[in-house]
Amino acid sequence: MRKEAHLVALWGLVLRAVVLAVVLAALIAGPRAGWGWAAGLIGAGLVVYAVARRPGRGDFTYAAASAIVIPDLLGFALVGLFAAFPVWATPDLGSGALHPSAWLMWPMALLSTSLLFIAWRSESFALRLTPEALEMARGVACWHVPYAEISGVGPWRRDLPRWMRAVVPFLLATGRYGPAGAVMLARERRGIALRVRGHPDLVIETDSLHPAGSKLLKALSQRGIPGLPHSPAQGGARAPAS
C-alpha cells in the first residue's frame, strides 16, 4: 500500500473559509447595513460555493445532497447565527463589552464548524477500482492499494463510547443543551474495512456512499478478495486519517 499527498483537496477548505467569512460579515453587519444588503451578500457567497465546489470523481463517491451540501449549509447557518447573535444583542459596540451570551454562543459556533469539515471530507472522497489496485482519496491523502495486498474485506461499525451517552442526563441537568443534543443525535457509523497486509485496516464509511456499499463489496469480491468472517471493528479498525 502506498500513501501520497492529495493537496488539491485543500481547495475545498479554502472555499468554505471564504464563504463562511462572507456569511459572517453579512449577518454581523445586517442590522446596521440593512438586511437586503446582507441577503444579497449571502446569496453571492452561496453562488460562489455552488460554482466553485469541486467534488471528488471516481467509481464511488458520497451523495452530494445528503453528505456535502446539507451539512455545509447547516454549518454556514449555525456558525453565522451563533457568532452574530452576541453582536446583535450588544446595544453599544463602541463600549467594547459584548453581550454575555458570547460565552455560550461562540463556543457553539466553533463546534458547528465541524459540519463544514465533515462535508469537506465527504467531498474530497473518491474511490476508483483500476484493473490492478484500489485507489482512494480522502482529505489531503490518497491511498494506492494493490488487490494482491488485500487479504479480506468485511463490515465495520463504530458507535460513541457508552459513557458519553450515559452523561447526557448530567449535561441536560447542568444546562449544556448543545453537547447533550449532539450526543443524542449521534448515530452508529457503518462502513467497510479492508484488511491490508502489513498495514492497519483501511475503512470506507458507507453512509451516503454512491453507489451503495453492497456494490463495492460485490466489486471487490469479483476481484478475488474474500469476505471476513467477523466485523473488523472488533479488531480495532480505524477510519483513515487525512
Protein backbone atom coordinates (compact mmCIF):
# COMPACT_ATOMS: atom_id res chain seq x y z
CA MET A 1 0.00 0.00 0.00
CA ARG A 2 1.27 3.46 -0.90
CA LYS A 3 0.04 6.72 0.64
CA GLU A 4 0.58 10.06 -1.08
CA ALA A 5 -0.39 13.69 -0.51
CA HIS A 6 -3.58 14.93 -2.18
CA LEU A 7 -3.20 18.68 -1.75
CA VAL A 8 -5.78 19.55 -4.43
CA ALA A 9 -8.41 18.83 -1.77
CA LEU A 10 -7.26 21.89 0.17
CA TRP A 11 -9.26 23.98 -2.30
CA GLY A 12 -12.42 22.78 -0.58
CA LEU A 13 -11.24 24.10 2.77
CA VAL A 14 -10.28 27.45 1.26
CA LEU A 15 -13.67 27.76 -0.46
CA ARG A 16 -15.56 27.04 2.75
CA ALA A 17 -13.45 29.54 4.69
CA VAL A 18 -14.20 32.27 2.12
CA VAL A 19 -17.95 31.57 2.03
CA LEU A 20 -18.12 31.40 5.82
CA ALA A 21 -16.33 34.75 6.09
CA VAL A 22 -18.88 36.28 3.69
CA VAL A 23 -21.82 34.84 5.66
CA LEU A 24 -20.37 36.06 8.96
CA ALA A 25 -19.74 39.56 7.62
CA ALA A 26 -23.27 39.78 6.20
CA LEU A 27 -25.00 38.57 9.37
CA ILE A 28 -22.94 40.67 11.75
CA ALA A 29 -23.42 43.83 9.69
CA GLY A 30 -27.04 43.08 8.75
CA PRO A 31 -28.84 45.04 11.49
CA ARG A 32 -26.84 48.19 10.74
CA ALA A 33 -26.20 47.96 7.00
CA GLY A 34 -29.64 46.60 6.09
CA TRP A 35 -30.93 43.05 5.71
CA GLY A 36 -31.44 43.44 1.96
CA TRP A 37 -27.73 44.09 1.51
CA ALA A 38 -26.92 41.20 3.86
CA ALA A 39 -29.19 38.77 1.98
CA GLY A 40 -27.60 39.77 -1.33
CA LEU A 41 -24.11 39.20 0.04
CA ILE A 42 -25.04 35.80 1.45
CA GLY A 43 -26.64 34.87 -1.86
CA ALA A 44 -23.47 35.84 -3.72
CA GLY A 45 -21.41 33.72 -1.34
CA LEU A 46 -23.63 30.70 -1.91
CA VAL A 47 -23.40 31.16 -5.67
CA VAL A 48 -19.60 31.13 -5.40
CA TYR A 49 -19.87 27.97 -3.28
CA ALA A 50 -22.10 26.24 -5.85
CA VAL A 51 -19.94 27.20 -8.83
CA ALA A 52 -16.50 26.64 -7.32
CA ARG A 53 -17.15 23.40 -5.46
CA ARG A 54 -15.07 20.51 -6.81
CA PRO A 55 -16.45 17.13 -5.72
CA GLY A 56 -14.28 14.04 -5.92
CA ARG A 57 -14.52 11.98 -9.11
CA GLY A 58 -14.36 8.21 -9.01
CA ASP A 59 -16.28 4.95 -9.25
CA PHE A 60 -17.59 5.57 -5.71
CA THR A 61 -18.22 8.97 -4.09
CA TYR A 62 -20.56 10.37 -1.45
CA ALA A 63 -24.01 11.69 -2.36
CA ALA A 64 -23.72 15.45 -2.85
CA ALA A 65 -27.00 16.49 -1.21
CA SER A 66 -27.01 14.45 1.99
CA ALA A 67 -23.28 14.18 2.69
CA ILE A 68 -21.96 17.51 1.43
CA VAL A 69 -24.40 20.31 0.58
CA ILE A 70 -26.81 19.93 3.51
CA PRO A 71 -24.02 19.75 6.16
CA ASP A 72 -22.33 22.74 4.53
CA LEU A 73 -25.49 24.85 4.54
CA LEU A 74 -26.22 23.88 8.15
CA GLY A 75 -22.64 24.74 9.07
CA PHE A 76 -22.77 28.17 7.40
CA ALA A 77 -26.12 28.95 9.06
CA LEU A 78 -25.26 27.73 12.57
CA VAL A 79 -21.78 29.25 12.71
CA GLY A 80 -23.09 32.54 11.35
CA LEU A 81 -26.06 32.77 13.71
CA PHE A 82 -24.17 31.67 16.83
CA ALA A 83 -21.33 34.09 16.07
CA ALA A 84 -23.57 37.03 15.18
CA PHE A 85 -26.14 36.80 17.98
CA PRO A 86 -23.93 38.31 20.75
CA VAL A 87 -23.14 41.20 18.42
CA TRP A 88 -26.82 41.77 17.68
CA ALA A 89 -27.59 41.70 21.41
CA THR A 90 -24.94 44.30 22.27
CA PRO A 91 -26.59 47.74 22.37
CA ASP A 92 -23.36 49.72 22.12
CA LEU A 93 -20.50 48.04 20.24
CA GLY A 94 -18.31 51.09 20.84
CA SER A 95 -18.18 50.27 24.54
CA GLY A 96 -16.07 47.19 23.85
CA ALA A 97 -18.25 44.99 26.10
CA LEU A 98 -20.12 42.25 24.23
CA HIS A 99 -23.34 40.67 25.43
CA PRO A 100 -22.71 37.86 27.99
CA SER A 101 -24.28 35.33 25.59
CA ALA A 102 -20.95 35.35 23.71
CA TRP A 103 -19.58 32.94 26.34
CA LEU A 104 -22.18 30.39 25.26
CA MET A 105 -22.73 31.23 21.60
CA TRP A 106 -19.17 31.49 20.37
CA PRO A 107 -18.10 28.04 21.59
CA MET A 108 -21.22 26.67 19.89
CA ALA A 109 -20.19 28.46 16.68
CA LEU A 110 -16.75 26.89 16.93
CA LEU A 111 -18.26 23.42 17.42
CA SER A 112 -20.55 23.96 14.43
CA THR A 113 -17.54 24.35 12.13
CA SER A 114 -17.19 20.56 12.43
CA LEU A 115 -20.11 20.30 9.99
CA LEU A 116 -18.06 22.10 7.35
CA PHE A 117 -15.08 19.82 8.00
CA ILE A 118 -17.26 16.72 7.70
CA ALA A 119 -18.73 17.99 4.43
CA TRP A 120 -15.25 18.74 3.08
CA ARG A 121 -14.03 15.23 3.96
CA SER A 122 -17.00 13.72 2.14
CA GLU A 123 -16.49 15.98 -0.87
CA SER A 124 -12.80 15.08 -1.14
CA PHE A 125 -13.56 11.35 -1.14
CA ALA A 126 -13.20 9.40 -4.38
CA LEU A 127 -12.59 5.69 -4.82
CA ARG A 128 -11.50 4.06 -8.08
CA LEU A 129 -11.17 0.38 -8.88
CA THR A 130 -8.46 0.00 -11.52
CA PRO A 131 -7.54 -3.39 -13.04
CA GLU A 132 -4.64 -3.80 -10.58
CA ALA A 133 -5.44 -1.73 -7.49
CA LEU A 134 -7.88 0.23 -5.39
CA GLU A 135 -7.20 3.96 -5.33
CA MET A 136 -8.84 6.11 -2.68
CA ALA A 137 -8.59 9.83 -1.99
CA ARG A 138 -9.89 11.42 1.20
CA GLY A 139 -8.91 14.71 2.75
CA VAL A 140 -5.31 15.52 1.87
CA ALA A 141 -4.25 11.88 1.42
CA CYS A 142 -4.51 9.33 -1.37
CA TRP A 143 -4.05 5.57 -0.97
CA HIS A 144 -2.94 3.14 -3.71
CA VAL A 145 -3.65 -0.45 -2.61
CA PRO A 146 -2.89 -3.38 -4.96
CA TYR A 147 -5.56 -6.07 -4.73
CA ALA A 148 -2.84 -8.61 -4.01
CA GLU A 149 -2.17 -6.85 -0.68
CA ILE A 150 -5.82 -7.02 0.48
CA SER A 151 -6.39 -10.21 2.46
CA GLY A 152 -10.08 -9.66 3.13
CA VAL A 153 -12.97 -7.24 3.35
CA GLY A 154 -15.92 -7.03 5.72
CA PRO A 155 -18.41 -4.79 7.55
CA TRP A 156 -17.25 -2.14 10.02
CA ARG A 157 -19.25 -0.41 12.76
CA ARG A 158 -18.42 2.18 15.38
CA ASP A 159 -20.57 3.97 17.92
CA LEU A 160 -19.89 6.55 20.61
CA PRO A 161 -18.48 5.14 23.85
CA ARG A 162 -21.23 4.14 26.27
CA TRP A 163 -20.01 6.60 28.89
CA MET A 164 -20.70 9.51 26.52
CA ARG A 165 -24.35 8.54 26.19
CA ALA A 166 -24.56 7.94 29.93
CA VAL A 167 -23.61 11.55 30.74
CA VAL A 168 -26.49 13.04 28.69
CA PRO A 169 -28.77 13.45 31.77
CA PHE A 170 -25.95 15.29 33.56
CA LEU A 171 -25.42 17.61 30.58
CA LEU A 172 -29.14 18.40 30.42
CA ALA A 173 -29.32 18.99 34.16
CA THR A 174 -26.43 21.47 34.02
CA GLY A 175 -27.84 23.38 31.04
CA ARG A 176 -25.38 22.10 28.44
CA TYR A 177 -28.06 21.50 25.83
CA GLY A 178 -25.79 21.77 22.79
CA PRO A 179 -23.39 18.94 23.74
CA ALA A 180 -26.30 16.86 25.03
CA GLY A 181 -28.16 17.24 21.75
CA ALA A 182 -25.07 16.35 19.75
CA VAL A 183 -24.60 13.13 21.72
CA MET A 184 -28.29 12.18 21.41
CA LEU A 185 -28.30 12.80 17.66
CA ALA A 186 -25.05 10.92 17.03
CA ARG A 187 -25.66 7.60 15.34
CA GLU A 188 -23.64 4.48 14.75
CA ARG A 189 -21.19 4.77 11.87
CA ARG A 190 -21.13 1.94 9.34
CA GLY A 191 -18.68 1.04 6.66
CA ILE A 192 -16.39 -1.48 5.02
CA ALA A 193 -12.94 -2.38 6.30
CA LEU A 194 -10.17 -3.63 4.04
CA ARG A 195 -7.58 -5.81 5.75
CA VAL A 196 -4.28 -4.83 4.16
CA ARG A 197 -1.22 -7.00 4.76
CA GLY A 198 1.35 -5.22 6.92
CA HIS A 199 -0.84 -2.13 7.45
CA PRO A 200 -3.79 -1.02 9.63
CA ASP A 201 -7.23 -1.81 8.27
CA LEU A 202 -8.44 0.75 5.76
CA VAL A 203 -12.01 1.87 6.49
CA ILE A 204 -14.51 3.20 3.96
CA GLU A 205 -17.67 4.57 5.56
CA THR A 206 -20.75 3.63 3.54
CA ASP A 207 -23.38 6.08 4.83
CA SER A 208 -24.40 8.09 1.74
CA LEU A 209 -21.89 6.19 -0.42
CA HIS A 210 -22.86 6.21 -4.10
CA PRO A 211 -23.21 3.56 -5.47
CA ALA A 212 -24.09 1.69 -2.27
CA GLY A 213 -21.56 -0.17 -0.17
CA SER A 214 -23.04 -3.51 -1.21
CA LYS A 215 -21.93 -2.82 -4.78
CA LEU A 216 -18.42 -2.07 -3.57
CA LEU A 217 -18.33 -5.38 -1.69
CA LYS A 218 -19.53 -7.17 -4.82
CA ALA A 219 -16.92 -5.45 -6.99
CA LEU A 220 -14.13 -6.40 -4.59
CA SER A 221 -15.41 -9.98 -4.42
CA GLN A 222 -15.27 -10.17 -8.22
CA ARG A 223 -11.58 -9.26 -7.95
CA GLY A 224 -10.91 -12.25 -5.74
CA ILE A 225 -10.94 -10.52 -2.33
CA PRO A 226 -12.56 -12.80 0.27
CA GLY A 227 -15.07 -11.65 2.86
CA LEU A 228 -14.06 -11.55 6.52
CA PRO A 229 -15.94 -13.85 8.94
CA HIS A 230 -16.19 -11.16 11.65
CA SER A 231 -16.55 -7.39 11.72
CA PRO A 232 -13.09 -5.75 11.51
CA ALA A 233 -14.32 -3.22 14.08
CA GLN A 234 -13.85 -5.90 16.72
CA GLY A 235 -10.20 -5.91 15.84
CA GLY A 236 -9.81 -2.17 16.24
CA ALA A 237 -10.21 -0.98 12.66
CA ARG A 238 -9.96 2.77 12.31
CA ALA A 239 -11.12 5.23 9.71
CA PRO A 240 -8.09 6.53 7.78
CA ALA A 241 -6.74 9.88 8.85
CA SER A 242 -6.19 12.64 6.33
